[in-house]
Amino acid sequence: MKNWNLKKLKIITTDFKPYGIHRTREESFFKGEKICSIRKCPIPSFSFVDFDSYVNQVYYVIKTSRINMKFLTGLLNSKLIYFWLYHNGKRQGEQLQVDRDPLIEIPIIKSENKEIIESVDLLIDLNKKLELERGRSLSPFFQILIALS
């Protein structure tokens, strides 16, 4: 039996060995308004999220107070940013790899276009209405499935 001296043991710093322990993240990062994006996607897929959401590392989360996040969401979903990420960002085959480094390299002029913000607000409202309608229309369908099972 080995005599372990706990003061001399190395601190586990790896993500995978020996136990697959992963580094913790600040809870404030998941609370409040943020922009979420799937890290690997064929086209930019950024979503403005205005509620607490705990996501794993499949998603990239952006929180900033330097620029209006609704404006940034609209801009990041544009064809212009797709073009920039496709030619200057990281890719795995035809999939874009949306990570910190390619995003901070995007040249953005801090000019918040009111029309883009209004368009993002409109899309958010329409999406909420669509979810509500889907819930209403699917509800009887699920009731029939439950009754048949």
N, C-alpha and C. Protein backbone atom coordinates (compact mmCIF):
# COMPACT_ATOMS: atom_id res chain seq x y z
N MET A 1 0.85 -1.18 0.00
CA MET A 1 0.00 0.00 0.00
C MET A 1 0.89 1.24 0.00
N LYS A 2 0.56 2.20 -0.89
CA LYS A 2 1.36 3.41 -0.99
C LYS A 2 0.98 4.39 0.11
N ASN A 3 1.97 5.13 0.54
CA ASN A 3 1.73 6.17 1.53
C ASN A 3 1.53 7.48 0.78
N TRP A 4 0.28 7.92 0.68
CA TRP A 4 -0.03 9.12 -0.08
C TRP A 4 0.14 10.35 0.80
N ASN A 5 0.88 11.28 0.31
CA ASN A 5 1.01 12.57 0.98
C ASN A 5 0.19 13.56 0.17
N LEU A 6 -1.00 13.90 0.67
CA LEU A 6 -1.94 14.73 -0.08
C LEU A 6 -1.39 16.11 -0.43
N LYS A 7 -0.47 16.61 0.34
CA LYS A 7 0.10 17.94 0.06
C LYS A 7 0.94 17.94 -1.20
N LYS A 8 1.42 16.76 -1.63
CA LYS A 8 2.31 16.70 -2.79
C LYS A 8 1.62 16.21 -4.06
N LEU A 9 0.32 15.90 -3.98
CA LEU A 9 -0.38 15.45 -5.18
C LEU A 9 -0.57 16.61 -6.16
N LYS A 10 -0.46 16.31 -7.45
CA LYS A 10 -0.67 17.33 -8.47
C LYS A 10 -2.16 17.66 -8.58
N ILE A 11 -2.45 18.89 -8.93
CA ILE A 11 -3.84 19.30 -9.13
C ILE A 11 -4.26 18.85 -10.52
N ILE A 12 -5.45 18.28 -10.63
CA ILE A 12 -5.97 17.81 -11.91
C ILE A 12 -6.42 19.03 -12.71
N THR A 13 -5.81 19.25 -13.87
CA THR A 13 -6.15 20.41 -14.68
C THR A 13 -6.68 20.05 -16.06
N THR A 14 -6.67 18.80 -16.40
CA THR A 14 -7.08 18.39 -17.73
C THR A 14 -8.60 18.24 -17.82
N ASP A 15 -9.13 18.36 -19.01
CA ASP A 15 -10.56 18.15 -19.24
C ASP A 15 -10.90 16.67 -19.30
N PHE A 16 -9.96 15.82 -19.68
CA PHE A 16 -10.29 14.44 -19.97
C PHE A 16 -9.64 13.40 -19.05
N LYS A 17 -8.45 13.64 -18.57
CA LYS A 17 -7.75 12.63 -17.79
C LYS A 17 -7.58 13.11 -16.37
N PRO A 18 -7.57 12.34 -15.39
CA PRO A 18 -7.99 10.95 -15.42
C PRO A 18 -9.48 10.76 -15.20
N TYR A 19 -10.22 11.81 -14.83
CA TYR A 19 -11.62 11.61 -14.44
C TYR A 19 -12.63 12.36 -15.32
N GLY A 20 -12.20 13.07 -16.31
CA GLY A 20 -13.12 13.81 -17.17
C GLY A 20 -13.73 15.02 -16.48
N ILE A 21 -13.05 15.55 -15.49
CA ILE A 21 -13.55 16.73 -14.78
C ILE A 21 -13.44 17.94 -15.69
N HIS A 22 -14.46 18.77 -15.67
CA HIS A 22 -14.43 19.97 -16.50
C HIS A 22 -14.43 21.20 -15.62
N ARG A 23 -13.87 22.25 -16.11
CA ARG A 23 -13.80 23.49 -15.34
C ARG A 23 -15.20 24.09 -15.16
N THR A 24 -15.41 24.67 -14.00
CA THR A 24 -16.71 25.30 -13.72
C THR A 24 -16.76 26.67 -14.39
N ARG A 25 -17.99 27.16 -14.60
CA ARG A 25 -18.19 28.48 -15.16
C ARG A 25 -19.04 29.31 -14.21
N GLU A 26 -18.93 30.59 -14.32
CA GLU A 26 -19.67 31.50 -13.46
C GLU A 26 -21.16 31.41 -13.76
N GLU A 27 -21.99 31.35 -12.71
CA GLU A 27 -23.43 31.26 -12.90
C GLU A 27 -23.99 32.51 -13.55
N SER A 28 -23.40 33.67 -13.29
CA SER A 28 -23.89 34.92 -13.88
C SER A 28 -23.85 34.88 -15.41
N PHE A 29 -22.98 34.02 -15.94
CA PHE A 29 -22.85 33.87 -17.38
C PHE A 29 -24.14 33.32 -18.01
N PHE A 30 -24.91 32.57 -17.24
CA PHE A 30 -26.11 31.92 -17.75
C PHE A 30 -27.39 32.68 -17.40
N LYS A 31 -27.28 33.73 -16.62
CA LYS A 31 -28.45 34.48 -16.19
C LYS A 31 -28.60 35.75 -17.01
N GLY A 32 -29.85 36.13 -17.25
CA GLY A 32 -30.12 37.38 -17.94
C GLY A 32 -29.98 37.28 -19.45
N GLU A 33 -29.89 38.46 -20.07
CA GLU A 33 -29.83 38.53 -21.54
C GLU A 33 -28.47 38.08 -22.04
N LYS A 34 -28.52 37.37 -23.18
CA LYS A 34 -27.30 36.87 -23.80
C LYS A 34 -27.60 36.50 -25.25
N ILE A 35 -26.57 36.22 -25.99
CA ILE A 35 -26.69 35.70 -27.35
C ILE A 35 -26.11 34.30 -27.33
N CYS A 36 -26.87 33.34 -27.85
CA CYS A 36 -26.41 31.95 -27.91
C CYS A 36 -26.27 31.53 -29.37
N SER A 37 -25.26 30.74 -29.63
CA SER A 37 -25.05 30.21 -30.98
C SER A 37 -24.56 28.78 -30.88
N ILE A 38 -25.00 27.97 -31.81
CA ILE A 38 -24.45 26.62 -31.90
C ILE A 38 -23.03 26.76 -32.43
N ARG A 39 -22.09 26.11 -31.79
CA ARG A 39 -20.68 26.26 -32.16
C ARG A 39 -20.36 25.79 -33.58
N LYS A 40 -20.94 24.68 -34.01
CA LYS A 40 -20.66 24.17 -35.35
C LYS A 40 -21.96 24.15 -36.13
N CYS A 41 -22.02 24.98 -37.19
CA CYS A 41 -23.26 25.12 -37.95
C CYS A 41 -22.93 25.50 -39.40
N PRO A 42 -23.82 25.16 -40.34
CA PRO A 42 -23.56 25.51 -41.74
C PRO A 42 -23.72 27.00 -42.03
N ILE A 43 -24.60 27.67 -41.31
CA ILE A 43 -24.76 29.12 -41.43
C ILE A 43 -24.82 29.70 -40.01
N PRO A 44 -24.48 30.97 -39.83
CA PRO A 44 -24.54 31.56 -38.49
C PRO A 44 -25.95 31.42 -37.91
N SER A 45 -26.01 30.98 -36.66
CA SER A 45 -27.28 30.72 -35.99
C SER A 45 -27.26 31.34 -34.60
N PHE A 46 -27.33 32.66 -34.55
CA PHE A 46 -27.27 33.38 -33.29
C PHE A 46 -28.68 33.72 -32.83
N SER A 47 -28.96 33.50 -31.54
CA SER A 47 -30.27 33.78 -30.97
C SER A 47 -30.14 34.69 -29.76
N PHE A 48 -31.01 35.70 -29.70
CA PHE A 48 -31.07 36.56 -28.53
C PHE A 48 -31.92 35.85 -27.49
N VAL A 49 -31.39 35.69 -26.29
CA VAL A 49 -32.09 34.97 -25.22
C VAL A 49 -32.24 35.94 -24.05
N ASP A 50 -33.49 36.16 -23.62
CA ASP A 50 -33.73 37.12 -22.54
C ASP A 50 -34.21 36.45 -21.25
N PHE A 51 -33.85 35.19 -21.06
CA PHE A 51 -34.21 34.47 -19.84
C PHE A 51 -33.02 33.64 -19.39
N ASP A 52 -33.04 33.21 -18.13
CA ASP A 52 -31.96 32.37 -17.61
C ASP A 52 -31.94 31.06 -18.39
N SER A 53 -30.77 30.69 -18.85
CA SER A 53 -30.65 29.44 -19.60
C SER A 53 -29.27 28.85 -19.36
N TYR A 54 -29.28 27.60 -18.96
CA TYR A 54 -28.05 26.88 -18.68
C TYR A 54 -27.79 25.95 -19.86
N VAL A 55 -26.77 26.27 -20.63
CA VAL A 55 -26.46 25.50 -21.83
C VAL A 55 -25.10 24.85 -21.69
N ASN A 56 -24.92 23.74 -22.40
CA ASN A 56 -23.62 23.06 -22.36
C ASN A 56 -22.69 23.68 -23.40
N GLN A 57 -21.55 23.08 -23.61
CA GLN A 57 -20.55 23.68 -24.48
C GLN A 57 -20.78 23.44 -25.96
N VAL A 58 -21.93 22.88 -26.31
CA VAL A 58 -22.32 22.81 -27.72
C VAL A 58 -22.65 24.24 -28.19
N TYR A 59 -23.03 25.09 -27.24
CA TYR A 59 -23.40 26.47 -27.53
C TYR A 59 -22.29 27.42 -27.13
N TYR A 60 -22.18 28.50 -27.89
CA TYR A 60 -21.28 29.58 -27.53
C TYR A 60 -22.16 30.71 -27.01
N VAL A 61 -21.81 31.27 -25.86
CA VAL A 61 -22.63 32.31 -25.23
C VAL A 61 -21.87 33.64 -25.26
N ILE A 62 -22.58 34.69 -25.68
CA ILE A 62 -22.00 36.03 -25.73
C ILE A 62 -22.79 36.93 -24.79
N LYS A 63 -22.08 37.59 -23.89
CA LYS A 63 -22.68 38.61 -23.02
C LYS A 63 -21.80 39.84 -23.13
N THR A 64 -22.42 40.98 -23.39
CA THR A 64 -21.64 42.21 -23.50
C THR A 64 -22.50 43.40 -23.11
N SER A 65 -21.84 44.42 -22.62
CA SER A 65 -22.54 45.68 -22.32
C SER A 65 -22.00 46.79 -23.23
N ARG A 66 -21.09 46.43 -24.13
CA ARG A 66 -20.47 47.43 -25.00
C ARG A 66 -21.29 47.77 -26.23
N ILE A 67 -22.25 46.90 -26.58
CA ILE A 67 -23.06 47.12 -27.77
C ILE A 67 -24.43 46.50 -27.53
N ASN A 68 -25.45 47.05 -28.16
CA ASN A 68 -26.80 46.52 -28.01
C ASN A 68 -26.83 45.08 -28.52
N MET A 69 -27.24 44.16 -27.67
CA MET A 69 -27.16 42.74 -28.04
C MET A 69 -28.18 42.36 -29.11
N LYS A 70 -29.30 43.07 -29.21
CA LYS A 70 -30.26 42.77 -30.28
C LYS A 70 -29.67 43.20 -31.62
N PHE A 71 -29.00 44.35 -31.63
CA PHE A 71 -28.32 44.79 -32.85
C PHE A 71 -27.24 43.78 -33.24
N LEU A 72 -26.46 43.34 -32.25
CA LEU A 72 -25.39 42.38 -32.50
C LEU A 72 -25.94 41.06 -33.01
N THR A 73 -27.09 40.62 -32.49
CA THR A 73 -27.73 39.39 -32.96
C THR A 73 -28.09 39.50 -34.43
N GLY A 74 -28.73 40.61 -34.80
CA GLY A 74 -29.09 40.83 -36.20
C GLY A 74 -27.87 40.87 -37.10
N LEU A 75 -26.83 41.55 -36.66
CA LEU A 75 -25.61 41.67 -37.45
C LEU A 75 -24.92 40.31 -37.61
N LEU A 76 -24.82 39.55 -36.51
CA LEU A 76 -24.13 38.26 -36.58
C LEU A 76 -24.86 37.24 -37.44
N ASN A 77 -26.17 37.41 -37.62
CA ASN A 77 -26.95 36.51 -38.48
C ASN A 77 -26.98 36.95 -39.94
N SER A 78 -26.29 38.03 -40.27
CA SER A 78 -26.33 38.58 -41.62
C SER A 78 -25.47 37.79 -42.61
N LYS A 79 -25.76 37.97 -43.89
CA LYS A 79 -24.95 37.33 -44.94
C LYS A 79 -23.53 37.87 -44.95
N LEU A 80 -23.38 39.12 -44.56
CA LEU A 80 -22.06 39.73 -44.50
C LEU A 80 -21.17 39.00 -43.49
N ILE A 81 -21.70 38.73 -42.31
CA ILE A 81 -20.92 38.03 -41.29
C ILE A 81 -20.70 36.57 -41.70
N TYR A 82 -21.70 35.95 -42.34
CA TYR A 82 -21.50 34.59 -42.85
C TYR A 82 -20.31 34.56 -43.81
N PHE A 83 -20.27 35.51 -44.74
CA PHE A 83 -19.17 35.60 -45.70
C PHE A 83 -17.84 35.75 -44.98
N TRP A 84 -17.81 36.64 -43.98
CA TRP A 84 -16.58 36.88 -43.24
C TRP A 84 -16.15 35.62 -42.49
N LEU A 85 -17.08 34.98 -41.77
CA LEU A 85 -16.74 33.77 -41.01
C LEU A 85 -16.32 32.63 -41.93
N TYR A 86 -16.97 32.51 -43.09
CA TYR A 86 -16.65 31.43 -44.02
C TYR A 86 -15.22 31.57 -44.54
N HIS A 87 -14.81 32.81 -44.85
CA HIS A 87 -13.49 33.03 -45.45
C HIS A 87 -12.39 33.33 -44.44
N ASN A 88 -12.75 33.87 -43.26
CA ASN A 88 -11.73 34.26 -42.30
C ASN A 88 -11.81 33.54 -40.96
N GLY A 89 -12.89 32.82 -40.73
CA GLY A 89 -13.06 32.13 -39.46
C GLY A 89 -12.57 30.69 -39.54
N LYS A 90 -12.94 29.92 -38.55
CA LYS A 90 -12.58 28.50 -38.52
C LYS A 90 -13.69 27.70 -39.19
N ARG A 91 -13.29 26.62 -39.86
CA ARG A 91 -14.27 25.71 -40.47
C ARG A 91 -13.82 24.28 -40.26
N GLN A 92 -14.81 23.41 -40.24
CA GLN A 92 -14.56 21.98 -40.30
C GLN A 92 -15.37 21.48 -41.48
N GLY A 93 -14.72 21.33 -42.60
CA GLY A 93 -15.44 21.04 -43.84
C GLY A 93 -16.25 22.26 -44.21
N GLU A 94 -17.55 22.06 -44.41
CA GLU A 94 -18.44 23.19 -44.74
C GLU A 94 -19.10 23.78 -43.49
N GLN A 95 -18.81 23.21 -42.33
CA GLN A 95 -19.39 23.71 -41.08
C GLN A 95 -18.54 24.87 -40.55
N LEU A 96 -19.20 25.95 -40.15
CA LEU A 96 -18.50 27.04 -39.48
C LEU A 96 -18.25 26.63 -38.04
N GLN A 97 -17.11 26.99 -37.50
CA GLN A 97 -16.83 26.76 -36.09
C GLN A 97 -16.86 28.11 -35.39
N VAL A 98 -17.97 28.40 -34.72
CA VAL A 98 -18.19 29.70 -34.09
C VAL A 98 -17.61 29.65 -32.68
N ASP A 99 -16.44 30.28 -32.52
CA ASP A 99 -15.75 30.34 -31.24
C ASP A 99 -15.31 31.77 -30.99
N ARG A 100 -14.70 31.97 -29.85
CA ARG A 100 -14.27 33.29 -29.42
C ARG A 100 -13.33 33.96 -30.43
N ASP A 101 -12.29 33.27 -30.83
CA ASP A 101 -11.26 33.89 -31.66
C ASP A 101 -11.79 34.44 -33.00
N PRO A 102 -12.55 33.65 -33.79
CA PRO A 102 -13.05 34.23 -35.03
C PRO A 102 -14.03 35.39 -34.79
N LEU A 103 -14.79 35.32 -33.71
CA LEU A 103 -15.77 36.37 -33.46
C LEU A 103 -15.13 37.69 -33.06
N ILE A 104 -14.09 37.64 -32.24
CA ILE A 104 -13.47 38.91 -31.83
C ILE A 104 -12.66 39.54 -32.95
N GLU A 105 -12.37 38.78 -34.00
CA GLU A 105 -11.64 39.32 -35.14
C GLU A 105 -12.55 40.05 -36.14
N ILE A 106 -13.87 39.88 -36.01
CA ILE A 106 -14.80 40.53 -36.94
C ILE A 106 -14.74 42.04 -36.75
N PRO A 107 -14.48 42.78 -37.82
CA PRO A 107 -14.43 44.25 -37.68
C PRO A 107 -15.86 44.82 -37.61
N ILE A 108 -16.25 45.27 -36.43
CA ILE A 108 -17.60 45.82 -36.23
C ILE A 108 -17.48 47.29 -35.85
N ILE A 109 -18.18 48.13 -36.60
CA ILE A 109 -18.26 49.55 -36.26
C ILE A 109 -19.37 49.69 -35.23
N LYS A 110 -19.09 50.35 -34.14
CA LYS A 110 -20.08 50.50 -33.08
C LYS A 110 -21.11 51.56 -33.49
N SER A 111 -22.00 51.16 -34.38
CA SER A 111 -23.08 52.00 -34.87
C SER A 111 -24.35 51.17 -34.82
N GLU A 112 -25.18 51.42 -33.84
CA GLU A 112 -26.37 50.59 -33.64
C GLU A 112 -27.50 51.07 -34.54
N ASN A 113 -27.82 50.28 -35.53
CA ASN A 113 -28.86 50.59 -36.49
C ASN A 113 -30.22 50.26 -35.88
N LYS A 114 -31.07 51.27 -35.76
CA LYS A 114 -32.39 51.10 -35.14
C LYS A 114 -33.27 50.13 -35.91
N GLU A 115 -33.13 50.10 -37.23
CA GLU A 115 -33.94 49.19 -38.05
C GLU A 115 -33.60 47.73 -37.77
N ILE A 116 -32.33 47.43 -37.55
CA ILE A 116 -31.92 46.06 -37.25
C ILE A 116 -32.48 45.65 -35.89
N ILE A 117 -32.41 46.54 -34.91
CA ILE A 117 -32.95 46.25 -33.57
C ILE A 117 -34.45 46.00 -33.65
N GLU A 118 -35.17 46.83 -34.41
CA GLU A 118 -36.62 46.65 -34.56
C GLU A 118 -36.94 45.34 -35.28
N SER A 119 -36.13 44.97 -36.26
CA SER A 119 -36.33 43.70 -36.97
C SER A 119 -36.13 42.51 -36.04
N VAL A 120 -35.11 42.57 -35.20
CA VAL A 120 -34.87 41.49 -34.23
C VAL A 120 -36.03 41.41 -33.24
N ASP A 121 -36.51 42.57 -32.77
CA ASP A 121 -37.67 42.60 -31.87
C ASP A 121 -38.89 41.97 -32.54
N LEU A 122 -39.12 42.29 -33.81
CA LEU A 122 -40.25 41.74 -34.56
C LEU A 122 -40.12 40.22 -34.68
N LEU A 123 -38.93 39.74 -35.00
CA LEU A 123 -38.71 38.29 -35.13
C LEU A 123 -38.93 37.58 -33.79
N ILE A 124 -38.50 38.20 -32.70
CA ILE A 124 -38.71 37.61 -31.37
C ILE A 124 -40.21 37.52 -31.08
N ASP A 125 -40.94 38.61 -31.35
CA ASP A 125 -42.40 38.61 -31.12
C ASP A 125 -43.11 37.58 -31.98
N LEU A 126 -42.74 37.50 -33.26
CA LEU A 126 -43.37 36.53 -34.16
C LEU A 126 -43.07 35.10 -33.72
N ASN A 127 -41.85 34.86 -33.27
CA ASN A 127 -41.49 33.52 -32.81
C ASN A 127 -42.30 33.14 -31.56
N LYS A 128 -42.50 34.09 -30.64
CA LYS A 128 -43.30 33.81 -29.45
C LYS A 128 -44.75 33.51 -29.82
N LYS A 129 -45.29 34.26 -30.79
CA LYS A 129 -46.67 34.02 -31.25
C LYS A 129 -46.77 32.65 -31.94
N LEU A 130 -45.77 32.29 -32.72
CA LEU A 130 -45.75 31.00 -33.40
C LEU A 130 -45.71 29.86 -32.38
N GLU A 131 -44.88 30.00 -31.36
CA GLU A 131 -44.82 28.98 -30.31
C GLU A 131 -46.17 28.84 -29.61
N LEU A 132 -46.83 29.95 -29.35
CA LEU A 132 -48.13 29.93 -28.70
C LEU A 132 -49.16 29.23 -29.59
N GLU A 133 -49.15 29.55 -30.88
CA GLU A 133 -50.09 28.91 -31.81
C GLU A 133 -49.81 27.43 -31.97
N ARG A 134 -48.55 27.07 -32.02
CA ARG A 134 -48.20 25.65 -32.11
C ARG A 134 -48.70 24.90 -30.89
N GLY A 135 -48.55 25.52 -29.73
CA GLY A 135 -49.03 24.91 -28.50
C GLY A 135 -50.53 24.71 -28.53
N ARG A 136 -51.25 25.67 -29.06
CA ARG A 136 -52.71 25.57 -29.16
C ARG A 136 -53.13 24.52 -30.17
N SER A 137 -52.45 24.51 -31.32
CA SER A 137 -52.86 23.59 -32.39
C SER A 137 -52.43 22.15 -32.11
N LEU A 138 -51.31 21.98 -31.43
CA LEU A 138 -50.84 20.62 -31.16
C LEU A 138 -51.51 20.01 -29.94
N SER A 139 -52.07 20.83 -29.10
CA SER A 139 -52.65 20.32 -27.87
C SER A 139 -53.72 19.25 -28.11
N PRO A 140 -54.73 19.46 -28.98
CA PRO A 140 -55.72 18.41 -29.21
C PRO A 140 -55.10 17.15 -29.83
N PHE A 141 -54.11 17.33 -30.67
CA PHE A 141 -53.42 16.19 -31.29
C PHE A 141 -52.80 15.30 -30.21
N PHE A 142 -52.11 15.93 -29.28
CA PHE A 142 -51.51 15.15 -28.20
C PHE A 142 -52.57 14.49 -27.34
N GLN A 143 -53.70 15.16 -27.17
CA GLN A 143 -54.78 14.56 -26.39
C GLN A 143 -55.29 13.29 -27.07
N ILE A 144 -55.39 13.31 -28.40
CA ILE A 144 -55.83 12.11 -29.14
C ILE A 144 -54.79 11.00 -29.00
N LEU A 145 -53.51 11.34 -29.13
CA LEU A 145 -52.46 10.32 -28.97
C LEU A 145 -52.50 9.69 -27.58
N ILE A 146 -52.70 10.51 -26.60
CA ILE A 146 -52.75 10.00 -25.22
C ILE A 146 -53.96 9.08 -25.07
N ALA A 147 -55.11 9.47 -25.65
CA ALA A 147 -56.32 8.67 -25.54
C ALA A 147 -56.16 7.34 -26.26
N LEU A 148 -55.43 7.32 -27.38
CA LEU A 148 -55.24 6.10 -28.15
C LEU A 148 -54.24 5.14 -27.53
N SER A 149 -53.34 5.65 -26.73
CA SER A 149 -52.30 4.78 -26.17
C SER A 149 -52.75 4.03 -24.95
